[in-house]
C-alpha atoms as a PDB file:
ATOM      1  CA  UNK A   1      41.731 177.598-108.365  1.00  0.00           C
ATOM      2  CA  UNK A   2      43.730 174.458-108.951  1.00  0.00           C
ATOM      3  CA  UNK A   3      44.251 172.640-112.217  1.00  0.00           C
ATOM      4  CA  UNK A   4      41.720 169.796-111.238  1.00  0.00           C
ATOM      5  CA  UNK A   5      39.056 172.347-110.524  1.00  0.00           C
ATOM      6  CA  UNK A   6      39.686 174.330-113.852  1.00  0.00           C
ATOM      7  CA  UNK A   7      39.571 170.962-115.663  1.00  0.00           C
ATOM      8  CA  UNK A   8      36.310 169.942-113.973  1.00  0.00           C
ATOM      9  CA  UNK A   9      34.854 173.265-114.749  1.00  0.00           C
ATOM     10  CA  UNK A  10      35.882 172.995-118.372  1.00  0.00           C
ATOM     11  CA  UNK A  11      34.466 169.554-118.759  1.00  0.00           C
ATOM     12  CA  UNK A  12      31.023 170.578-117.097  1.00  0.00           C
ATOM     13  CA  UNK A  13      30.857 173.548-119.495  1.00  0.00           C
ATOM     14  CA  UNK A  14      31.551 171.389-122.518  1.00  0.00           C
ATOM     15  CA  UNK A  15      28.869 169.076-121.398  1.00  0.00           C
ATOM     16  CA  UNK A  16      26.402 171.649-121.037  1.00  0.00           C
ATOM     17  CA  UNK A  17      27.307 173.091-124.383  1.00  0.00           C
ATOM     18  CA  UNK A  18      27.109 169.616-126.093  1.00  0.00           C
ATOM     19  CA  UNK A  19      23.572 169.173-124.365  1.00  0.00           C
ATOM     20  CA  UNK A  20      22.320 172.492-125.339  1.00  0.00           C
ATOM     21  CA  UNK A  21      23.457 171.716-128.938  1.00  0.00           C
ATOM     22  CA  UNK A  22      21.592 168.403-128.986  1.00  0.00           C
ATOM     23  CA  UNK A  23      18.433 170.118-127.800  1.00  0.00           C
ATOM     24  CA  UNK A  24      18.586 172.940-130.392  1.00  0.00           C
ATOM     25  CA  UNK A  25      19.339 170.276-133.039  1.00  0.00           C
ATOM     26  CA  UNK A  26      16.294 168.246-131.969  1.00  0.00           C
ATOM     27  CA  UNK A  27      14.108 171.457-131.560  1.00  0.00           C
ATOM     28  CA  UNK A  28      15.482 172.509-135.086  1.00  0.00           C
ATOM     29  CA  UNK A  29      14.418 169.202-136.571  1.00  0.00           C
ATOM     30  CA  UNK A  30      10.976 169.313-135.000  1.00  0.00           C
ATOM     31  CA  UNK A  31      10.377 172.862-136.238  1.00  0.00           C
ATOM     32  CA  UNK A  32      11.642 171.747-139.819  1.00  0.00           C
ATOM     33  CA  UNK A  33       9.197 168.860-139.769  1.00  0.00           C
ATOM     34  CA  UNK A  34       6.409 171.110-138.396  1.00  0.00           C
ATOM     35  CA  UNK A  35       7.071 173.736-141.125  1.00  0.00           C
ATOM     36  CA  UNK A  36       7.160 171.103-143.930  1.00  0.00           C
ATOM     37  CA  UNK A  37       3.798 169.391-142.676  1.00  0.00           C
ATOM     38  CA  UNK A  38       2.292 172.995-142.439  1.00  0.00           C
ATOM     39  CA  UNK A  39       3.231 173.797-145.858  1.00  0.00           C
ATOM     40  CA  UNK A  40       2.427 170.300-147.289  1.00  0.00           C
ATOM     41  CA  UNK A  41      -0.494 168.916-145.105  1.00  0.00           C
ATOM     42  CA  UNK A  42      -0.819 166.041-147.743  1.00  0.00           C
ATOM     43  CA  UNK A  43       2.474 164.488-146.872  1.00  0.00           C
ATOM     44  CA  UNK A  44       1.554 163.140-143.456  1.00  0.00           C
ATOM     45  CA  UNK A  45      -1.665 161.122-144.607  1.00  0.00           C
ATOM     46  CA  UNK A  46       0.407 160.079-147.755  1.00  0.00           C
ATOM     47  CA  UNK A  47       3.108 158.355-145.776  1.00  0.00           C
ATOM     48  CA  UNK A  48       0.615 156.598-143.432  1.00  0.00           C
ATOM     49  CA  UNK A  49      -1.211 155.372-146.487  1.00  0.00           C
ATOM     50  CA  UNK A  50       2.045 154.005-147.864  1.00  0.00           C
ATOM     51  CA  UNK A  51       3.046 152.419-144.562  1.00  0.00           C
ATOM     52  CA  UNK A  52      -0.492 150.856-144.264  1.00  0.00           C
ATOM     53  CA  UNK A  53      -0.153 149.370-147.583  1.00  0.00           C
ATOM     54  CA  UNK A  54       3.269 147.838-147.277  1.00  0.00           C
ATOM     55  CA  UNK A  55       2.415 146.768-143.676  1.00  0.00           C
ATOM     56  CA  UNK A  56      -0.909 144.996-144.640  1.00  0.00           C
ATOM     57  CA  UNK A  57       0.855 143.243-147.765  1.00  0.00           C
ATOM     58  CA  UNK A  58       3.396 141.674-145.474  1.00  0.00           C
ATOM     59  CA  UNK A  59       0.781 140.620-143.190  1.00  0.00           C
ATOM     60  CA  UNK A  60      -1.414 138.935-145.818  1.00  0.00           C
ATOM     61  CA  UNK A  61      -0.205 138.598-149.372  1.00  0.00           C
ATOM     62  CA  UNK A  62      -3.670 138.614-150.727  1.00  0.00           C
ATOM     63  CA  UNK A  63      -4.082 142.211-149.771  1.00  0.00           C
ATOM     64  CA  UNK A  64      -2.278 143.660-152.880  1.00  0.00           C
ATOM     65  CA  UNK A  65      -3.996 141.293-155.362  1.00  0.00           C
ATOM     66  CA  UNK A  66      -5.978 143.077-158.143  1.00  0.00           C
ATOM     67  CA  UNK A  67      -9.201 141.692-156.856  1.00  0.00           C
ATOM     68  CA  UNK A  68      -8.807 142.941-153.313  1.00  0.00           C
ATOM     69  CA  UNK A  69      -7.585 146.447-154.338  1.00  0.00           C
ATOM     70  CA  UNK A  70     -10.579 146.547-156.675  1.00  0.00           C
ATOM     71  CA  UNK A  71     -12.871 145.786-153.582  1.00  0.00           C
ATOM     72  CA  UNK A  72     -10.989 148.632-151.556  1.00  0.00           C
ATOM     73  CA  UNK A  73     -11.530 151.186-154.158  1.00  0.00           C
ATOM     74  CA  UNK A  74     -15.179 150.207-154.574  1.00  0.00           C
ATOM     75  CA  UNK A  75     -15.790 150.341-151.008  1.00  0.00           C
ATOM     76  CA  UNK A  76     -14.121 153.681-150.547  1.00  0.00           C
ATOM     77  CA  UNK A  77     -16.106 155.359-153.308  1.00  0.00           C
ATOM     78  CA  UNK A  78     -19.200 156.295-151.689  1.00  0.00           C
ATOM     79  CA  UNK A  79     -17.449 157.512-148.443  1.00  0.00           C
ATOM     80  CA  UNK A  80     -14.987 159.666-150.518  1.00  0.00           C
ATOM     81  CA  UNK A  81     -17.819 161.648-152.308  1.00  0.00           C
ATOM     82  CA  UNK A  82     -19.467 162.207-149.029  1.00  0.00           C
ATOM     83  CA  UNK A  83     -16.140 163.290-147.463  1.00  0.00           C
ATOM     84  CA  UNK A  84     -15.561 165.496-150.549  1.00  0.00           C
ATOM     85  CA  UNK A  85     -18.710 167.430-149.543  1.00  0.00           C
ATOM     86  CA  UNK A  86     -17.653 167.409-145.703  1.00  0.00           C
ATOM     87  CA  UNK A  87     -14.354 169.071-146.761  1.00  0.00           C
ATOM     88  CA  UNK A  88     -16.001 171.874-148.020  1.00  0.00           C
ATOM     89  CA  UNK A  89     -17.980 172.298-144.889  1.00  0.00           C
ATOM     90  CA  UNK A  90     -15.049 171.646-142.585  1.00  0.00           C
ATOM     91  CA  UNK A  91     -12.744 174.074-144.491  1.00  0.00           C
ATOM     92  CA  UNK A  92     -15.339 176.931-143.424  1.00  0.00           C
ATOM     93  CA  UNK A  93     -14.772 175.719-139.695  1.00  0.00           C
ATOM     94  CA  UNK A  94     -18.293 174.002-139.764  1.00  0.00           C
ATOM     95  CA  UNK A  95     -19.227 170.303-139.487  1.00  0.00           C
ATOM     96  CA  UNK A  96     -22.198 168.319-141.392  1.00  0.00           C
ATOM     97  CA  UNK A  97     -23.626 165.521-139.353  1.00  0.00           C
ATOM     98  CA  UNK A  98     -26.284 165.026-141.797  1.00  0.00           C
ATOM     99  CA  UNK A  99     -23.984 163.854-144.725  1.00  0.00           C
ATOM    100  CA  UNK A 100     -25.034 160.208-144.725  1.00  0.00           C
ATOM    101  CA  UNK A 101     -28.706 161.012-144.056  1.00  0.00           C
ATOM    102  CA  UNK A 102     -28.980 163.276-147.103  1.00  0.00           C
ATOM    103  CA  UNK A 103     -27.074 160.416-149.131  1.00  0.00           C
ATOM    104  CA  UNK A 104     -29.514 157.765-148.112  1.00  0.00           C
ATOM    105  CA  UNK A 105     -32.622 159.863-148.430  1.00  0.00           C
ATOM    106  CA  UNK A 106     -31.624 161.100-151.975  1.00  0.00           C
ATOM    107  CA  UNK A 107     -31.089 157.336-152.933  1.00  0.00           C
ATOM    108  CA  UNK A 108     -34.447 156.489-151.612  1.00  0.00           C
ATOM    109  CA  UNK A 109     -36.187 159.404-153.482  1.00  0.00           C
ATOM    110  CA  UNK A 110     -34.574 158.365-156.691  1.00  0.00           C
ATOM    111  CA  UNK A 111     -35.616 154.933-156.326  1.00  0.00           C
ATOM    112  CA  UNK A 112     -39.230 155.878-155.268  1.00  0.00           C
ATOM    113  CA  UNK A 113     -39.462 158.322-158.361  1.00  0.00           C
ATOM    114  CA  UNK A 114     -38.569 155.478-160.621  1.00  0.00           C
ATOM    115  CA  UNK A 115     -40.874 152.612-159.281  1.00  0.00           C
ATOM    116  CA  UNK A 116     -43.880 154.328-157.861  1.00  0.00           C
ATOM    117  CA  UNK A 117     -44.044 157.605-159.716  1.00  0.00           C
ATOM    118  CA  UNK A 118     -42.839 155.713-163.050  1.00  0.00           C
ATOM    119  CA  UNK A 119     -40.376 158.237-164.089  1.00  0.00           C
ATOM    120  CA  UNK A 120     -37.566 157.779-166.627  1.00  0.00           C
ATOM    121  CA  UNK A 121     -34.407 157.322-164.996  1.00  0.00           C
ATOM    122  CA  UNK A 122     -32.717 160.404-166.170  1.00  0.00           C
ATOM    123  CA  UNK A 123     -35.597 162.462-164.695  1.00  0.00           C
ATOM    124  CA  UNK A 124     -35.663 160.478-161.372  1.00  0.00           C
ATOM    125  CA  UNK A 125     -31.978 160.927-161.193  1.00  0.00           C
ATOM    126  CA  UNK A 126     -32.174 164.782-161.816  1.00  0.00           C
ATOM    127  CA  UNK A 127     -35.055 165.090-159.144  1.00  0.00           C
ATOM    128  CA  UNK A 128     -33.069 163.015-156.498  1.00  0.00           C
ATOM    129  CA  UNK A 129     -29.994 165.381-157.173  1.00  0.00           C
ATOM    130  CA  UNK A 130     -32.356 168.537-156.814  1.00  0.00           C
ATOM    131  CA  UNK A 131     -33.914 167.290-153.505  1.00  0.00           C
ATOM    132  CA  UNK A 132     -30.387 166.431-152.020  1.00  0.00           C
ATOM    133  CA  UNK A 133     -29.141 169.987-153.158  1.00  0.00           C
ATOM    134  CA  UNK A 134     -32.287 171.450-151.418  1.00  0.00           C
ATOM    135  CA  UNK A 135     -31.304 169.442-148.126  1.00  0.00           C
ATOM    136  CA  UNK A 136     -27.917 170.940-148.247  1.00  0.00           C
ATOM    137  CA  UNK A 137     -29.463 174.513-148.692  1.00  0.00           C
ATOM    138  CA  UNK A 138     -31.758 173.983-145.906  1.00  0.00           C
ATOM    139  CA  UNK A 139     -28.492 173.625-143.641  1.00  0.00           C
ATOM    140  CA  UNK A 140     -26.953 176.484-145.168  1.00  0.00           C
ATOM    141  CA  UNK A 141     -30.080 178.676-144.561  1.00  0.00           C
ATOM    142  CA  UNK A 142     -30.310 177.765-141.086  1.00  0.00           C
ATOM    143  CA  UNK A 143     -26.742 178.416-140.360  1.00  0.00           C
ATOM    144  CA  UNK A 144     -26.213 181.692-142.278  1.00  0.00           C
ATOM    145  CA  UNK A 145     -29.729 183.255-141.835  1.00  0.00           C
ATOM    146  CA  UNK A 146     -31.037 181.772-138.435  1.00  0.00           C
ATOM    147  CA  UNK A 147     -27.255 181.848-137.071  1.00  0.00           C
ATOM    148  CA  UNK A 148     -27.750 178.425-135.764  1.00  0.00           C
ATOM    149  CA  UNK A 149     -24.455 176.478-134.975  1.00  0.00           C
ATOM    150  CA  UNK A 150     -23.687 173.967-137.671  1.00  0.00           C
ATOM    151  CA  UNK A 151     -23.585 171.177-135.261  1.00  0.00           C
ATOM    152  CA  UNK A 152     -26.961 171.697-133.954  1.00  0.00           C
ATOM    153  CA  UNK A 153     -28.378 172.475-137.350  1.00  0.00           C
ATOM    154  CA  UNK A 154     -26.961 169.153-138.848  1.00  0.00           C
ATOM    155  CA  UNK A 155     -27.715 167.159-136.007  1.00  0.00           C
ATOM    156  CA  UNK A 156     -31.387 168.175-136.046  1.00  0.00           C
ATOM    157  CA  UNK A 157     -31.539 167.400-139.939  1.00  0.00           C
ATOM    158  CA  UNK A 158     -29.839 164.205-139.638  1.00  0.00           C
ATOM    159  CA  UNK A 159     -32.667 162.820-137.367  1.00  0.00           C
ATOM    160  CA  UNK A 160     -35.132 164.433-139.665  1.00  0.00           C
ATOM    161  CA  UNK A 161     -33.842 162.940-142.851  1.00  0.00           C
ATOM    162  CA  UNK A 162     -33.348 159.511-141.350  1.00  0.00           C
ATOM    163  CA  UNK A 163     -36.845 159.622-140.287  1.00  0.00           C
ATOM    164  CA  UNK A 164     -38.157 160.674-143.632  1.00  0.00           C
ATOM    165  CA  UNK A 165     -36.376 157.781-145.156  1.00  0.00           C
ATOM    166  CA  UNK A 166     -38.458 155.293-143.356  1.00  0.00           C
ATOM    167  CA  UNK A 167     -41.775 157.237-144.058  1.00  0.00           C
ATOM    168  CA  UNK A 168     -40.986 157.745-147.951  1.00  0.00           C
ATOM    169  CA  UNK A 169     -39.838 154.024-148.447  1.00  0.00           C
ATOM    170  CA  UNK A 170     -42.120 152.373-145.766  1.00  0.00           C
ATOM    171  CA  UNK A 171     -38.855 150.734-144.361  1.00  0.00           C
ATOM    172  CA  UNK A 172     -38.612 148.693-147.544  1.00  0.00           C
ATOM    173  CA  UNK A 173     -35.562 148.130-149.825  1.00  0.00           C
ATOM    174  CA  UNK A 174     -36.178 148.767-153.470  1.00  0.00           C
ATOM    175  CA  UNK A 175     -34.266 146.303-155.598  1.00  0.00           C
ATOM    176  CA  UNK A 176     -32.062 147.583-158.353  1.00  0.00           C
ATOM    177  CA  UNK A 177     -33.628 145.166-160.838  1.00  0.00           C
ATOM    178  CA  UNK A 178     -36.986 147.214-160.363  1.00  0.00           C
ATOM    179  CA  UNK A 179     -35.210 150.518-161.368  1.00  0.00           C
ATOM    180  CA  UNK A 180     -34.008 151.870-164.838  1.00  0.00           C
ATOM    181  CA  UNK A 181     -30.425 150.700-165.581  1.00  0.00           C
ATOM    182  CA  UNK A 182     -29.112 154.373-165.131  1.00  0.00           C
ATOM    183  CA  UNK A 183     -29.722 154.071-161.411  1.00  0.00           C
ATOM    184  CA  UNK A 184     -27.262 151.106-160.964  1.00  0.00           C
ATOM    185  CA  UNK A 185     -25.022 152.119-163.901  1.00  0.00           C
ATOM    186  CA  UNK A 186     -22.502 153.676-161.238  1.00  0.00           C
ATOM    187  CA  UNK A 187     -21.925 149.709-160.020  1.00  0.00           C
ATOM    188  CA  UNK A 188     -20.799 148.585-163.549  1.00  0.00           C
ATOM    189  CA  UNK A 189     -17.280 148.119-163.922  1.00  0.00           C
ATOM    190  CA  UNK A 190     -14.440 148.241-166.466  1.00  0.00           C
ATOM    191  CA  UNK A 191     -11.860 145.345-166.342  1.00  0.00           C
ATOM    192  CA  UNK A 192      -8.228 146.480-166.446  1.00  0.00           C
ATOM    193  CA  UNK A 193      -6.286 143.055-166.327  1.00  0.00           C
ATOM    194  CA  UNK A 194      -7.539 141.707-162.991  1.00  0.00           C
ATOM    195  CA  UNK A 195      -8.296 145.025-161.705  1.00  0.00           C
ATOM    196  CA  UNK A 196     -11.987 146.145-161.994  1.00  0.00           C
ATOM    197  CA  UNK A 197     -12.745 149.940-161.886  1.00  0.00           C
ATOM    198  CA  UNK A 198     -16.434 151.021-161.374  1.00  0.00           C
ATOM    199  CA  UNK A 199     -18.026 153.941-163.221  1.00  0.00           C
ATOM    200  CA  UNK A 200     -18.842 155.158-159.886  1.00  0.00           C
ATOM    201  CA  UNK A 201     -15.137 155.244-158.854  1.00  0.00           C
ATOM    202  CA  UNK A 202     -14.122 157.047-162.136  1.00  0.00           C
ATOM    203  CA  UNK A 203     -16.886 159.739-161.441  1.00  0.00           C
ATOM    204  CA  UNK A 204     -15.570 160.155-157.960  1.00  0.00           C
ATOM    205  CA  UNK A 205     -12.163 160.962-159.177  1.00  0.00           C
ATOM    206  CA  UNK A 206     -13.459 163.276-161.867  1.00  0.00           C
ATOM    207  CA  UNK A 207     -15.177 165.112-159.104  1.00  0.00           C
ATOM    208  CA  UNK A 208     -12.210 165.331-156.797  1.00  0.00           C
ATOM    209  CA  UNK A 209     -10.309 166.744-159.983  1.00  0.00           C
ATOM    210  CA  UNK A 210     -12.986 169.390-160.292  1.00  0.00           C
ATOM    211  CA  UNK A 211     -13.032 170.474-156.719  1.00  0.00           C
ATOM    212  CA  UNK A 212      -9.375 170.509-156.629  1.00  0.00           C
ATOM    213  CA  UNK A 213      -9.271 173.048-159.307  1.00  0.00           C
ATOM    214  CA  UNK A 214     -12.223 175.032-157.935  1.00  0.00           C
ATOM    215  CA  UNK A 215     -10.492 175.201-154.413  1.00  0.00           C
ATOM    216  CA  UNK A 216      -6.939 176.296-155.803  1.00  0.00           C
ATOM    217  CA  UNK A 217      -7.635 178.171-158.940  1.00  0.00           C
ATOM    218  CA  UNK A 218     -10.960 180.228-158.489  1.00  0.00           C
ATOM    219  CA  UNK A 219     -11.950 183.175-156.465  1.00  0.00           C
ATOM    220  CA  UNK A 220     -14.692 180.985-154.696  1.00  0.00           C
ATOM    221  CA  UNK A 221     -12.159 178.437-153.446  1.00  0.00           C
ATOM    222  CA  UNK A 222      -9.979 181.277-151.972  1.00  0.00           C
ATOM    223  CA  UNK A 223     -13.093 182.782-150.318  1.00  0.00           C
ATOM    224  CA  UNK A 224     -13.808 179.296-148.882  1.00  0.00           C
ATOM    225  CA  UNK A 225     -10.459 179.231-147.249  1.00  0.00           C
ATOM    226  CA  UNK A 226     -10.591 182.834-146.034  1.00  0.00           C
ATOM    227  CA  UNK A 227     -13.839 182.200-144.450  1.00  0.00           C
ATOM    228  CA  UNK A 228     -12.561 179.135-142.688  1.00  0.00           C
ATOM    229  CA  UNK A 229      -9.285 180.925-141.507  1.00  0.00           C
ATOM    230  CA  UNK A 230     -10.953 184.052-139.906  1.00  0.00           C
ATOM    231  CA  UNK A 231     -14.566 184.776-140.912  1.00  0.00           C
ATOM    232  CA  UNK A 232     -14.418 188.315-139.368  1.00  0.00           C
ATOM    233  CA  UNK A 233     -11.348 189.363-141.189  1.00  0.00           C
ATOM    234  CA  UNK A 234     -12.854 187.833-144.570  1.00  0.00           C
ATOM    235  CA  UNK A 235     -15.896 189.688-144.039  1.00  0.00           C
ATOM    236  CA  UNK A 236     -13.854 193.138-143.475  1.00  0.00           C
ATOM    237  CA  UNK A 237     -12.044 192.292-146.734  1.00  0.00           C
ATOM    238  CA  UNK A 238     -14.957 192.380-148.580  1.00  0.00           C
ATOM    239  CA  UNK A 239     -15.958 188.699-148.803  1.00  0.00           C
ATOM    240  CA  UNK A 240     -19.702 187.875-148.562  1.00  0.00           C
ATOM    241  CA  UNK A 241     -18.968 185.084-146.039  1.00  0.00           C
ATOM    242  CA  UNK A 242     -22.766 184.342-145.721  1.00  0.00           C
ATOM    243  CA  UNK A 243     -23.035 183.763-149.116  1.00  0.00           C
ATOM    244  CA  UNK A 244     -19.915 181.670-149.184  1.00  0.00           C
ATOM    245  CA  UNK A 245     -21.087 179.408-146.301  1.00  0.00           C
ATOM    246  CA  UNK A 246     -24.608 178.997-147.990  1.00  0.00           C
ATOM    247  CA  UNK A 247     -22.945 177.819-151.269  1.00  0.00           C
ATOM    248  CA  UNK A 248     -20.828 175.465-149.285  1.00  0.00           C
ATOM    249  CA  UNK A 249     -23.567 173.667-147.701  1.00  0.00           C
ATOM    250  CA  UNK A 250     -25.700 173.765-150.889  1.00  0.00           C
ATOM    251  CA  UNK A 251     -22.857 172.272-153.257  1.00  0.00           C
ATOM    252  CA  UNK A 252     -22.090 169.652-150.316  1.00  0.00           C
ATOM    253  CA  UNK A 253     -25.876 168.660-150.351  1.00  0.00           C
ATOM    254  CA  UNK A 254     -25.521 167.826-154.091  1.00  0.00           C
ATOM    255  CA  UNK A 255     -22.410 165.921-153.508  1.00  0.00           C
ATOM    256  CA  UNK A 256     -24.120 163.782-151.082  1.00  0.00           C
ATOM    257  CA  UNK A 257     -26.777 163.086-153.394  1.00  0.00           C
ATOM    258  CA  UNK A 258     -24.473 162.203-155.901  1.00  0.00           C
ATOM    259  CA  UNK A 259     -23.032 159.825-153.264  1.00  0.00           C
ATOM    260  CA  UNK A 260     -26.503 158.322-152.890  1.00  0.00           C
ATOM    261  CA  UNK A 261     -26.551 157.654-156.672  1.00  0.00           C
ATOM    262  CA  UNK A 262     -23.287 155.760-156.481  1.00  0.00           C
ATOM    263  CA  UNK A 263     -24.538 153.945-153.333  1.00  0.00           C
ATOM    264  CA  UNK A 264     -27.572 152.397-155.358  1.00  0.00           C
ATOM    265  CA  UNK A 265     -24.972 151.305-157.951  1.00  0.00           C
ATOM    266  CA  UNK A 266     -22.694 149.946-155.348  1.00  0.00           C
ATOM    267  CA  UNK A 267     -25.502 147.786-153.511  1.00  0.00           C
ATOM    268  CA  UNK A 268     -27.677 147.223-156.495  1.00  0.00           C
ATOM    269  CA  UNK A 269     -30.569 148.502-154.227  1.00  0.00           C
ATOM    270  CA  UNK A 270     -31.717 151.529-152.224  1.00  0.00           C
ATOM    271  CA  UNK A 271     -32.187 150.706-148.691  1.00  0.00           C
ATOM    272  CA  UNK A 272     -33.224 152.938-145.758  1.00  0.00           C
ATOM    273  CA  UNK A 273     -31.294 150.862-143.280  1.00  0.00           C
ATOM    274  CA  UNK A 274     -27.800 151.673-144.382  1.00  0.00           C
ATOM    275  CA  UNK A 275     -25.404 154.630-143.791  1.00  0.00           C
ATOM    276  CA  UNK A 276     -25.508 154.871-139.918  1.00  0.00           C
ATOM    277  CA  UNK A 277     -21.694 155.037-140.041  1.00  0.00           C
ATOM    278  CA  UNK A 278     -21.432 157.190-143.185  1.00  0.00           C
ATOM    279  CA  UNK A 279     -21.276 160.428-141.104  1.00  0.00           C
ATOM    280  CA  UNK A 280     -18.489 159.296-139.042  1.00  0.00           C
ATOM    281  CA  UNK A 281     -16.399 157.716-141.771  1.00  0.00           C
ATOM    282  CA  UNK A 282     -16.713 160.920-143.926  1.00  0.00           C
ATOM    283  CA  UNK A 283     -15.427 163.171-141.161  1.00  0.00           C
ATOM    284  CA  UNK A 284     -12.706 160.407-140.308  1.00  0.00           C
ATOM    285  CA  UNK A 285     -11.564 160.725-144.036  1.00  0.00           C
ATOM    286  CA  UNK A 286     -11.315 164.508-143.989  1.00  0.00           C
ATOM    287  CA  UNK A 287      -9.568 164.589-140.479  1.00  0.00           C
ATOM    288  CA  UNK A 288      -6.982 161.826-141.604  1.00  0.00           C
ATOM    289  CA  UNK A 289      -6.460 163.715-144.714  1.00  0.00           C
ATOM    290  CA  UNK A 290      -5.120 166.528-142.972  1.00  0.00           C
ATOM    291  CA  UNK A 291      -8.085 169.121-143.107  1.00  0.00           C
ATOM    292  CA  UNK A 292      -8.147 171.135-140.087  1.00  0.00           C
ATOM    293  CA  UNK A 293     -11.365 170.909-137.981  1.00  0.00           C
ATOM    294  CA  UNK A 294     -10.823 174.452-137.109  1.00  0.00           C
ATOM    295  CA  UNK A 295     -10.925 175.565-140.676  1.00  0.00           C
ATOM    296  CA  UNK A 296      -8.819 177.425-143.306  1.00  0.00           C
ATOM    297  CA  UNK A 297      -6.271 174.530-143.940  1.00  0.00           C
ATOM    298  CA  UNK A 298      -6.650 171.231-146.184  1.00  0.00           C
ATOM    299  CA  UNK A 299      -7.101 169.976-149.429  1.00  0.00           C
ATOM    300  CA  UNK A 300      -9.328 167.585-151.361  1.00  0.00           C
ATOM    301  CA  UNK A 301      -6.313 165.479-152.423  1.00  0.00           C
ATOM    302  CA  UNK A 302      -5.779 164.913-148.676  1.00  0.00           C
ATOM    303  CA  UNK A 303      -9.425 163.914-148.240  1.00  0.00           C
ATOM    304  CA  UNK A 304      -9.241 161.168-150.957  1.00  0.00           C
ATOM    305  CA  UNK A 305      -6.049 159.796-149.264  1.00  0.00           C
ATOM    306  CA  UNK A 306      -7.901 160.025-145.911  1.00  0.00           C
ATOM    307  CA  UNK A 307     -10.803 157.959-147.406  1.00  0.00           C
ATOM    308  CA  UNK A 308      -8.102 155.433-148.861  1.00  0.00           C
ATOM    309  CA  UNK A 309      -6.619 155.016-145.261  1.00  0.00           C
ATOM    310  CA  UNK A 310      -9.856 154.249-143.966  1.00  0.00           C
ATOM    311  CA  UNK A 311     -10.650 151.746-146.646  1.00  0.00           C
ATOM    312  CA  UNK A 312      -7.169 150.162-146.599  1.00  0.00           C
ATOM    313  CA  UNK A 313      -7.280 149.866-142.782  1.00  0.00           C
ATOM    314  CA  UNK A 314     -10.717 148.092-142.374  1.00  0.00           C
ATOM    315  CA  UNK A 315      -9.759 145.817-145.315  1.00  0.00           C
ATOM    316  CA  UNK A 316      -6.295 145.082-144.204  1.00  0.00           C
ATOM    317  CA  UNK A 317      -7.419 144.528-140.657  1.00  0.00           C
ATOM    318  CA  UNK A 318     -10.381 142.345-141.646  1.00  0.00           C
ATOM    319  CA  UNK A 319      -7.896 140.232-143.825  1.00  0.00           C
ATOM    320  CA  UNK A 320      -5.704 139.920-140.866  1.00  0.00           C
ATOM    321  CA  UNK A 321      -8.378 138.422-138.722  1.00  0.00           C
ATOM    322  CA  UNK A 322      -9.048 141.497-136.500  1.00  0.00           C
ATOM    323  CA  UNK A 323     -12.377 141.594-135.104  1.00  0.00           C
ATOM    324  CA  UNK A 324     -14.722 144.187-136.227  1.00  0.00           C
ATOM    325  CA  UNK A 325     -14.568 145.989-132.831  1.00  0.00           C
ATOM    326  CA  UNK A 326     -10.785 146.342-132.886  1.00  0.00           C
ATOM    327  CA  UNK A 327     -10.940 147.783-136.347  1.00  0.00           C
ATOM    328  CA  UNK A 328     -13.186 150.388-135.193  1.00  0.00           C
ATOM    329  CA  UNK A 329     -10.800 151.038-132.158  1.00  0.00           C
ATOM    330  CA  UNK A 330      -7.935 151.494-134.710  1.00  0.00           C
ATOM    331  CA  UNK A 331      -9.713 153.899-136.666  1.00  0.00           C
ATOM    332  CA  UNK A 332     -10.674 155.860-133.772  1.00  0.00           C
ATOM    333  CA  UNK A 333      -7.047 155.955-132.584  1.00  0.00           C
ATOM    334  CA  UNK A 334      -5.975 157.126-135.938  1.00  0.00           C
ATOM    335  CA  UNK A 335      -8.502 160.074-135.548  1.00  0.00           C
ATOM    336  CA  UNK A 336      -7.085 161.014-132.380  1.00  0.00           C
ATOM    337  CA  UNK A 337      -3.608 160.965-133.595  1.00  0.00           C
ATOM    338  CA  UNK A 338      -4.573 162.957-136.583  1.00  0.00           C
ATOM    339  CA  UNK A 339      -6.354 165.737-134.682  1.00  0.00           C
ATOM    340  CA  UNK A 340      -3.380 165.975-132.268  1.00  0.00           C
ATOM    341  CA  UNK A 341      -0.985 166.270-135.108  1.00  0.00           C
ATOM    342  CA  UNK A 342      -3.326 169.066-136.552  1.00  0.00           C
ATOM    343  CA  UNK A 343      -3.076 170.854-133.155  1.00  0.00           C
ATOM    344  CA  UNK A 344       0.803 170.545-133.288  1.00  0.00           C
ATOM    345  CA  UNK A 345       1.056 171.754-136.913  1.00  0.00           C
ATOM    346  CA  UNK A 346      -1.263 174.799-136.304  1.00  0.00           C
ATOM    347  CA  UNK A 347       1.244 176.069-133.704  1.00  0.00           C
ATOM    348  CA  UNK A 348       3.646 176.642-136.260  1.00  0.00           C
ATOM    349  CA  UNK A 349       5.470 180.054-136.304  1.00  0.00           C
ATOM    350  CA  UNK A 350       5.538 181.852-139.606  1.00  0.00           C
END
């Protein structure tokens, strides 16, 4: 073999080696990112939120004003509380399509108890929360005892509760001025400079703190994750999975009812004609927050960030003059990207 051929062979070998090195380097980088996101699912949503805030602040200087940020947080509050309950359900590999219906129905019941039944505000609130909890317990009973799929169960109760909204309210809106002040208390705000923080938002943040602790520091929280990750393995490990699932749907119902109370304060009324998008928005917030639709992975902190992403995008696109239909398109695209990313992260090899 001549020197020219040897030289050509050496150069070809060197090129292949360099190419293999580049591929290995790229694969190594991708694997590192995959492992980081698998271990810290909140990082992805947080990065999206920061980028969105910066981008919308550049597009419209009004976005970062105290008044507008107050509006974003107030708009996000109800969805965030519903998404908190939705997170518990999705962590167990379930889904709850009745979240918005329970919230709106609970708000109607609270308003009716106050106005027609003449109950004091505290009693009406407690009855409304109790009924919301019972609606969640009904979902849990059908899932755990009758063994029906969560999708079918909550699709059915969604229709039932929205229908009952109209029956109980006679399709009429109850004004906040006709109810005790406790019903609209969550809509009151505390001025902090130019920023206004509502009591509903404060209550929402306290709930997130409570459930962050419950899921990360209690046996119940560990059982929720175990049940969602592999229900059969959890059962064999001695976890009463049916009891865990029932508790999750019941607590979710209570959280939805709390969302209904905050909704009254937000709107200064109780209307049976709101909440049609709440189910989708709550699921969107959970998915954008990094909680896996396949269960067993995610956090309430991610859900809070996901709810803020939804609020920031809707508000930022509106300030940017984007039509409502394209706002929905953007949110839908975000969901598809988030689910695709979740699929990729779940393939990580440990």
